[in-house]
Structure formats: C-alpha cells, structure tokens
Amino acid sequence: FTRNRRVRGKMQKILLLVAMPEELPTPPNPDMILVHMGIGKVNAAWQTVRALERYKPDLVINFGTAGVVMPEIRGLVEVGAACQRDMDVRALGVALGYTPFEADSHLIRFANSPLLCGTGDSFAASRPELPCDLVDMELYAIAKICRIEQTPLRAFKYISDQADHAAPQDWRLALNHAALAFSAR
C-alpha cells in the first residue's frame, strides 16, 4: 500500500491521513498526499472533508497509533471496521455506540480485516465499555466521511500501548517505532 499502483491504466492517487507529524512526519512514498489532521473526531472529520474535496483521491489510507484491548495483537495491523466507543445516549433508550436516528451508525466496515477499532475523543487508559479490539481517536470519523463520499478506505494502526494505566508513557515511547513500521510496509 505504500507504493502507488496503476488502476485501469492510470496511477492511483492516494491520500494518507495521519493525526500528527510525530506519528508519521513524511509519506513513505513521495507521490502520496500526506495530511496531518490533528487529534480527535472533529479534526479528523473536518480535515477528511477538506482533503477529499481538494485532492479527489482514489484511495484514502489512515495510519496512526492505537491502544490494544486484545493483548495478543501487536505491531502494525490493518483494521477492517470502526465504531464510536464514546457515543452514549443510553438515557434516550439508544444502545451504546449507536447514533440516534441513524440506522447504520453503529459499525462502519471498510476492509476484510476482522479487527474492530473503537474511536473516541478520549485517550483510552482503560478498557472501553463497548467491545472492540483496539482504540484510537480518529478512524470512525474518517470512515464515516469516506462512506458518505464513496471513497475507498484502508486503515493501518501501530499498536502503541495496552489501553491501561501505562498507556500514556507507552504511547510516547512507541511513536518512533510506528513511523518506521508503516514506512517499511
């Protein structure tokens, strides 16, 4: 995925969305369009919309770090679906993770990988209540915009921590490894 490919005789335009330069300062392929979005779902949604309008890519790739809920998951992984781990309107009778009045809001599937990423606007230092394999702060927003705009999406996360009490320091230590792992793929 880090090399541009020909699709139907033309080079595929790839947009690479990353939250912050510390995760990936430069694209692994100079032909890729790298956009640093900022942290969280609002920044991710806003920058995804802007980048799709500006660059009109054939493929969006999201790369970043993620905490893991399943301890056997390590290294660089491809994610197949995303949910909102912090969408909580149970007081209105709506199940955890569902957006009211949106029938298809719980889970967005975009690849064949079985891994589910729970996105939320909080740094996970404990297991989320909503079942998922790993946690981040941007992927669901990106996936929703790509689904609306009918733009193919792939997502790769470098496991930086165990989403536990040690997560903040483990995440900081893993940043250099994340960029190296993604660029080597």
C-alpha atoms as a PDB file:
ATOM      1  CA  PHE A   1       0.000   0.000   0.000  1.00  0.00           C
ATOM      2  CA  THR A   2       2.922   2.396   0.359  1.00  0.00           C
ATOM      3  CA  ARG A   3       3.621   2.204  -3.377  1.00  0.00           C
ATOM      4  CA  ASN A   4       1.347   3.849  -5.911  1.00  0.00           C
ATOM      5  CA  ARG A   5      -0.363   1.377  -8.205  1.00  0.00           C
ATOM      6  CA  ARG A   6      -1.791   1.567 -11.664  1.00  0.00           C
ATOM      7  CA  VAL A   7      -5.539   1.044 -11.768  1.00  0.00           C
ATOM      8  CA  ARG A   8      -7.113   0.838 -15.228  1.00  0.00           C
ATOM      9  CA  GLY A   9      -4.038   2.357 -16.834  1.00  0.00           C
ATOM     10  CA  LYS A  10      -3.642   5.371 -14.526  1.00  0.00           C
ATOM     11  CA  MET A  11      -1.691   5.921 -11.338  1.00  0.00           C
ATOM     12  CA  GLN A  12      -3.890   5.707  -8.293  1.00  0.00           C
ATOM     13  CA  LYS A  13      -3.989   8.932  -6.236  1.00  0.00           C
ATOM     14  CA  ILE A  14      -3.529   8.029  -2.558  1.00  0.00           C
ATOM     15  CA  LEU A  15      -4.428  10.344   0.321  1.00  0.00           C
ATOM     16  CA  LEU A  16      -2.677   9.468   3.590  1.00  0.00           C
ATOM     17  CA  LEU A  17      -4.422  10.815   6.705  1.00  0.00           C
ATOM     18  CA  VAL A  18      -2.408  10.891   9.942  1.00  0.00           C
ATOM     19  CA  ALA A  19      -3.339  12.680  13.154  1.00  0.00           C
ATOM     20  CA  MET A  20       0.036  14.211  13.956  1.00  0.00           C
ATOM     21  CA  PRO A  21       3.534  14.558  12.480  1.00  0.00           C
ATOM     22  CA  GLU A  22       5.009  12.619  15.417  1.00  0.00           C
ATOM     23  CA  GLU A  23       3.219   9.507  14.109  1.00  0.00           C
ATOM     24  CA  LEU A  24       4.449   9.908  10.528  1.00  0.00           C
ATOM     25  CA  PRO A  25       6.432  13.030   9.587  1.00  0.00           C
ATOM     26  CA  THR A  26       6.735  12.271   5.865  1.00  0.00           C
ATOM     27  CA  PRO A  27       4.935   9.901   3.498  1.00  0.00           C
ATOM     28  CA  PRO A  28       6.662   6.583   2.717  1.00  0.00           C
ATOM     29  CA  ASN A  29       6.135   7.338  -0.970  1.00  0.00           C
ATOM     30  CA  PRO A  30       6.672  10.919  -2.203  1.00  0.00           C
ATOM     31  CA  ASP A  31       3.712  10.540  -4.580  1.00  0.00           C
ATOM     32  CA  MET A  32       1.304  10.065  -1.660  1.00  0.00           C
ATOM     33  CA  ILE A  33      -0.555  13.101  -0.383  1.00  0.00           C
ATOM     34  CA  LEU A  34       0.015  13.370   3.376  1.00  0.00           C
ATOM     35  CA  VAL A  35      -2.383  15.375   5.533  1.00  0.00           C
ATOM     36  CA  HIS A  36      -1.841  15.789   9.279  1.00  0.00           C
ATOM     37  CA  MET A  37      -5.376  16.148  10.647  1.00  0.00           C
ATOM     38  CA  GLY A  38      -4.964  16.914  14.324  1.00  0.00           C
ATOM     39  CA  ILE A  39      -6.277  14.782  17.152  1.00  0.00           C
ATOM     40  CA  GLY A  40      -9.887  13.670  17.658  1.00  0.00           C
ATOM     41  CA  LYS A  41     -13.030  13.016  15.672  1.00  0.00           C
ATOM     42  CA  VAL A  42     -13.880  16.648  14.905  1.00  0.00           C
ATOM     43  CA  ASN A  43     -10.436  17.413  13.480  1.00  0.00           C
ATOM     44  CA  ALA A  44     -10.447  14.125  11.562  1.00  0.00           C
ATOM     45  CA  ALA A  45     -13.885  14.761  10.020  1.00  0.00           C
ATOM     46  CA  TRP A  46     -13.096  18.351   9.080  1.00  0.00           C
ATOM     47  CA  GLN A  47      -9.709  17.559   7.535  1.00  0.00           C
ATOM     48  CA  THR A  48     -11.051  14.470   5.730  1.00  0.00           C
ATOM     49  CA  VAL A  49     -13.793  16.505   4.062  1.00  0.00           C
ATOM     50  CA  ARG A  50     -11.323  19.238   3.081  1.00  0.00           C
ATOM     51  CA  ALA A  51      -8.752  16.765   1.734  1.00  0.00           C
ATOM     52  CA  LEU A  52     -11.335  14.785  -0.272  1.00  0.00           C
ATOM     53  CA  GLU A  53     -12.607  17.975  -1.871  1.00  0.00           C
ATOM     54  CA  ARG A  54      -9.127  19.304  -2.608  1.00  0.00           C
ATOM     55  CA  TYR A  55      -7.299  16.163  -3.783  1.00  0.00           C
ATOM     56  CA  LYS A  56     -10.112  13.869  -5.054  1.00  0.00           C
ATOM     57  CA  PRO A  57      -8.158  10.703  -4.185  1.00  0.00           C
ATOM     58  CA  ASP A  58      -8.799   7.214  -5.498  1.00  0.00           C
ATOM     59  CA  LEU A  59      -7.959   5.753  -2.084  1.00  0.00           C
ATOM     60  CA  VAL A  60      -7.709   7.083   1.474  1.00  0.00           C
ATOM     61  CA  ILE A  61      -5.320   5.444   3.916  1.00  0.00           C
ATOM     62  CA  ASN A  62      -5.490   6.257   7.597  1.00  0.00           C
ATOM     63  CA  PHE A  63      -2.380   5.493   9.616  1.00  0.00           C
ATOM     64  CA  GLY A  64      -1.814   6.113  13.281  1.00  0.00           C
ATOM     65  CA  THR A  65      -1.182   4.646  16.674  1.00  0.00           C
ATOM     66  CA  ALA A  66      -3.748   2.723  18.670  1.00  0.00           C
ATOM     67  CA  GLY A  67      -4.143   1.168  22.060  1.00  0.00           C
ATOM     68  CA  VAL A  68      -4.980  -2.506  22.094  1.00  0.00           C
ATOM     69  CA  VAL A  69      -7.726  -4.202  24.073  1.00  0.00           C
ATOM     70  CA  MET A  70      -6.754  -7.717  22.928  1.00  0.00           C
ATOM     71  CA  PRO A  71      -3.180  -8.189  24.253  1.00  0.00           C
ATOM     72  CA  GLU A  72      -2.218 -10.719  21.571  1.00  0.00           C
ATOM     73  CA  ILE A  73      -2.459  -8.023  18.876  1.00  0.00           C
ATOM     74  CA  ARG A  74       0.945  -6.383  18.265  1.00  0.00           C
ATOM     75  CA  GLY A  75       2.884  -4.343  15.742  1.00  0.00           C
ATOM     76  CA  LEU A  76       1.354  -2.888  12.594  1.00  0.00           C
ATOM     77  CA  VAL A  77      -2.166  -4.159  11.844  1.00  0.00           C
ATOM     78  CA  GLU A  78      -4.854  -3.495   9.276  1.00  0.00           C
ATOM     79  CA  VAL A  79      -8.253  -2.540  10.666  1.00  0.00           C
ATOM     80  CA  GLY A  80     -11.470  -3.667   8.990  1.00  0.00           C
ATOM     81  CA  ALA A  81     -14.177  -1.696  10.813  1.00  0.00           C
ATOM     82  CA  ALA A  82     -14.723   1.192  13.202  1.00  0.00           C
ATOM     83  CA  CYS A  83     -17.296   2.115  15.828  1.00  0.00           C
ATOM     84  CA  GLN A  84     -17.784   5.067  18.181  1.00  0.00           C
ATOM     85  CA  ARG A  85     -16.803   3.883  21.648  1.00  0.00           C
ATOM     86  CA  ASP A  86     -17.918   7.157  23.218  1.00  0.00           C
ATOM     87  CA  MET A  87     -21.357   7.625  21.602  1.00  0.00           C
ATOM     88  CA  ASP A  88     -23.527   7.156  24.679  1.00  0.00           C
ATOM     89  CA  VAL A  89     -27.185   8.148  24.574  1.00  0.00           C
ATOM     90  CA  ARG A  90     -28.495   5.203  26.561  1.00  0.00           C
ATOM     91  CA  ALA A  91     -30.528   7.682  28.619  1.00  0.00           C
ATOM     92  CA  LEU A  92     -32.703   8.052  25.500  1.00  0.00           C
ATOM     93  CA  GLY A  93     -33.051   4.297  25.055  1.00  0.00           C
ATOM     94  CA  VAL A  94     -30.395   4.014  22.337  1.00  0.00           C
ATOM     95  CA  ALA A  95     -27.729   1.309  22.654  1.00  0.00           C
ATOM     96  CA  LEU A  96     -24.137   2.264  23.475  1.00  0.00           C
ATOM     97  CA  GLY A  97     -22.211   3.114  20.299  1.00  0.00           C
ATOM     98  CA  TYR A  98     -25.278   3.997  18.210  1.00  0.00           C
ATOM     99  CA  THR A  99     -26.100   7.491  16.974  1.00  0.00           C
ATOM    100  CA  PRO A 100     -29.806   8.302  17.393  1.00  0.00           C
ATOM    101  CA  PHE A 101     -31.866   8.412  14.188  1.00  0.00           C
ATOM    102  CA  GLU A 102     -29.088   6.837  12.082  1.00  0.00           C
ATOM    103  CA  ALA A 103     -29.887   3.238  11.239  1.00  0.00           C
ATOM    104  CA  ASP A 104     -26.399   2.313  10.040  1.00  0.00           C
ATOM    105  CA  SER A 105     -24.287   4.263  12.505  1.00  0.00           C
ATOM    106  CA  HIS A 106     -23.039   1.568  14.882  1.00  0.00           C
ATOM    107  CA  LEU A 107     -20.330  -0.045  12.771  1.00  0.00           C
ATOM    108  CA  ILE A 108     -18.653   1.011   9.563  1.00  0.00           C
ATOM    109  CA  ARG A 109     -16.916  -1.834   7.724  1.00  0.00           C
ATOM    110  CA  PHE A 110     -14.399  -0.885   5.044  1.00  0.00           C
ATOM    111  CA  ALA A 111     -11.927  -3.804   4.708  1.00  0.00           C
ATOM    112  CA  ASN A 112     -11.720  -7.578   5.141  1.00  0.00           C
ATOM    113  CA  SER A 113      -9.690  -7.453   8.351  1.00  0.00           C
ATOM    114  CA  PRO A 114     -11.581  -8.782  11.394  1.00  0.00           C
ATOM    115  CA  LEU A 115     -10.157  -6.050  13.660  1.00  0.00           C
ATOM    116  CA  LEU A 116     -12.610  -3.509  15.058  1.00  0.00           C
ATOM    117  CA  CYS A 117     -11.352  -0.109  16.193  1.00  0.00           C
ATOM    118  CA  GLY A 118     -13.318   1.805  18.816  1.00  0.00           C
ATOM    119  CA  THR A 119     -12.893   5.531  18.191  1.00  0.00           C
ATOM    120  CA  GLY A 120     -13.455   8.095  20.903  1.00  0.00           C
ATOM    121  CA  ASP A 121     -12.500  11.596  21.912  1.00  0.00           C
ATOM    122  CA  SER A 122     -10.585  10.403  24.943  1.00  0.00           C
ATOM    123  CA  PHE A 123      -7.185   8.786  25.353  1.00  0.00           C
ATOM    124  CA  ALA A 124      -8.045   5.267  26.489  1.00  0.00           C
ATOM    125  CA  ALA A 125      -6.258   4.362  29.711  1.00  0.00           C
ATOM    126  CA  SER A 126      -8.667   1.505  30.470  1.00  0.00           C
ATOM    127  CA  ARG A 127     -10.784  -0.954  28.509  1.00  0.00           C
ATOM    128  CA  PRO A 128     -13.710   0.725  26.797  1.00  0.00           C
ATOM    129  CA  GLU A 129     -17.194  -0.422  27.714  1.00  0.00           C
ATOM    130  CA  LEU A 130     -18.030  -1.036  24.045  1.00  0.00           C
ATOM    131  CA  PRO A 131     -16.378  -4.262  22.817  1.00  0.00           C
ATOM    132  CA  CYS A 132     -13.596  -3.665  20.292  1.00  0.00           C
ATOM    133  CA  ASP A 133     -10.081  -4.913  19.519  1.00  0.00           C
ATOM    134  CA  LEU A 134      -8.225  -1.596  19.592  1.00  0.00           C
ATOM    135  CA  VAL A 135      -8.877   2.068  20.308  1.00  0.00           C
ATOM    136  CA  ASP A 136      -7.994   5.336  18.612  1.00  0.00           C
ATOM    137  CA  MET A 137      -9.309   8.881  18.346  1.00  0.00           C
ATOM    138  CA  GLU A 138      -9.953   9.456  14.589  1.00  0.00           C
ATOM    139  CA  LEU A 139     -10.821   6.392  12.484  1.00  0.00           C
ATOM    140  CA  TYR A 140     -14.625   6.317  12.849  1.00  0.00           C
ATOM    141  CA  ALA A 141     -14.906   9.936  11.668  1.00  0.00           C
ATOM    142  CA  ILE A 142     -12.695   9.229   8.649  1.00  0.00           C
ATOM    143  CA  ALA A 143     -14.633   6.055   7.831  1.00  0.00           C
ATOM    144  CA  LYS A 144     -17.973   7.835   8.008  1.00  0.00           C
ATOM    145  CA  ILE A 145     -16.850  10.640   5.681  1.00  0.00           C
ATOM    146  CA  CYS A 146     -15.308   8.143   3.233  1.00  0.00           C
ATOM    147  CA  ARG A 147     -18.523   6.095   3.255  1.00  0.00           C
ATOM    148  CA  ILE A 148     -20.642   9.185   2.586  1.00  0.00           C
ATOM    149  CA  GLU A 149     -18.299  10.307  -0.205  1.00  0.00           C
ATOM    150  CA  GLN A 150     -17.959   6.743  -1.577  1.00  0.00           C
ATOM    151  CA  THR A 151     -14.174   6.836  -1.365  1.00  0.00           C
ATOM    152  CA  PRO A 152     -12.345   3.563  -0.620  1.00  0.00           C
ATOM    153  CA  LEU A 153     -10.584   3.442   2.749  1.00  0.00           C
ATOM    154  CA  ARG A 154      -7.880   1.313   4.305  1.00  0.00           C
ATOM    155  CA  ALA A 155      -6.657   1.806   7.860  1.00  0.00           C
ATOM    156  CA  PHE A 156      -3.413   0.696   9.479  1.00  0.00           C
ATOM    157  CA  LYS A 157      -2.630   1.125  13.147  1.00  0.00           C
ATOM    158  CA  TYR A 158       0.590   0.614  15.023  1.00  0.00           C
ATOM    159  CA  ILE A 159      -0.121  -0.850  18.445  1.00  0.00           C
ATOM    160  CA  SER A 160       1.436   1.630  20.837  1.00  0.00           C
ATOM    161  CA  ASP A 161       0.031   0.617  24.201  1.00  0.00           C
ATOM    162  CA  GLN A 162      -2.290  -1.702  26.116  1.00  0.00           C
ATOM    163  CA  ALA A 163      -5.033   0.910  26.797  1.00  0.00           C
ATOM    164  CA  ASP A 164      -4.227   0.715  30.508  1.00  0.00           C
ATOM    165  CA  HIS A 165      -2.674   2.825  33.273  1.00  0.00           C
ATOM    166  CA  ALA A 166       0.731   2.749  31.486  1.00  0.00           C
ATOM    167  CA  ALA A 167      -0.747   3.809  28.120  1.00  0.00           C
ATOM    168  CA  PRO A 168       0.394   7.463  28.148  1.00  0.00           C
ATOM    169  CA  GLN A 169       4.090   6.680  28.609  1.00  0.00           C
ATOM    170  CA  ASP A 170       3.966   3.556  26.386  1.00  0.00           C
ATOM    171  CA  TRP A 171       2.364   5.603  23.604  1.00  0.00           C
ATOM    172  CA  ARG A 172       5.089   8.254  23.744  1.00  0.00           C
ATOM    173  CA  LEU A 173       7.800   5.585  23.543  1.00  0.00           C
ATOM    174  CA  ALA A 174       6.129   3.865  20.568  1.00  0.00           C
ATOM    175  CA  LEU A 175       5.870   6.909  18.282  1.00  0.00           C
ATOM    176  CA  ASN A 176       9.264   6.404  16.611  1.00  0.00           C
ATOM    177  CA  HIS A 177       8.567   2.721  16.027  1.00  0.00           C
ATOM    178  CA  ALA A 178       5.183   3.492  14.455  1.00  0.00           C
ATOM    179  CA  ALA A 179       6.561   5.592  11.608  1.00  0.00           C
ATOM    180  CA  LEU A 180       9.319   3.052  10.895  1.00  0.00           C
ATOM    181  CA  ALA A 181       6.886   0.120  10.812  1.00  0.00           C
ATOM    182  CA  PHE A 182       4.478   1.866   8.446  1.00  0.00           C
ATOM    183  CA  SER A 183       7.187   3.120   6.107  1.00  0.00           C
ATOM    184  CA  ALA A 184       8.745  -0.353   5.894  1.00  0.00           C
ATOM    185  CA  ARG A 185       5.497  -1.983   4.778  1.00  0.00           C
END
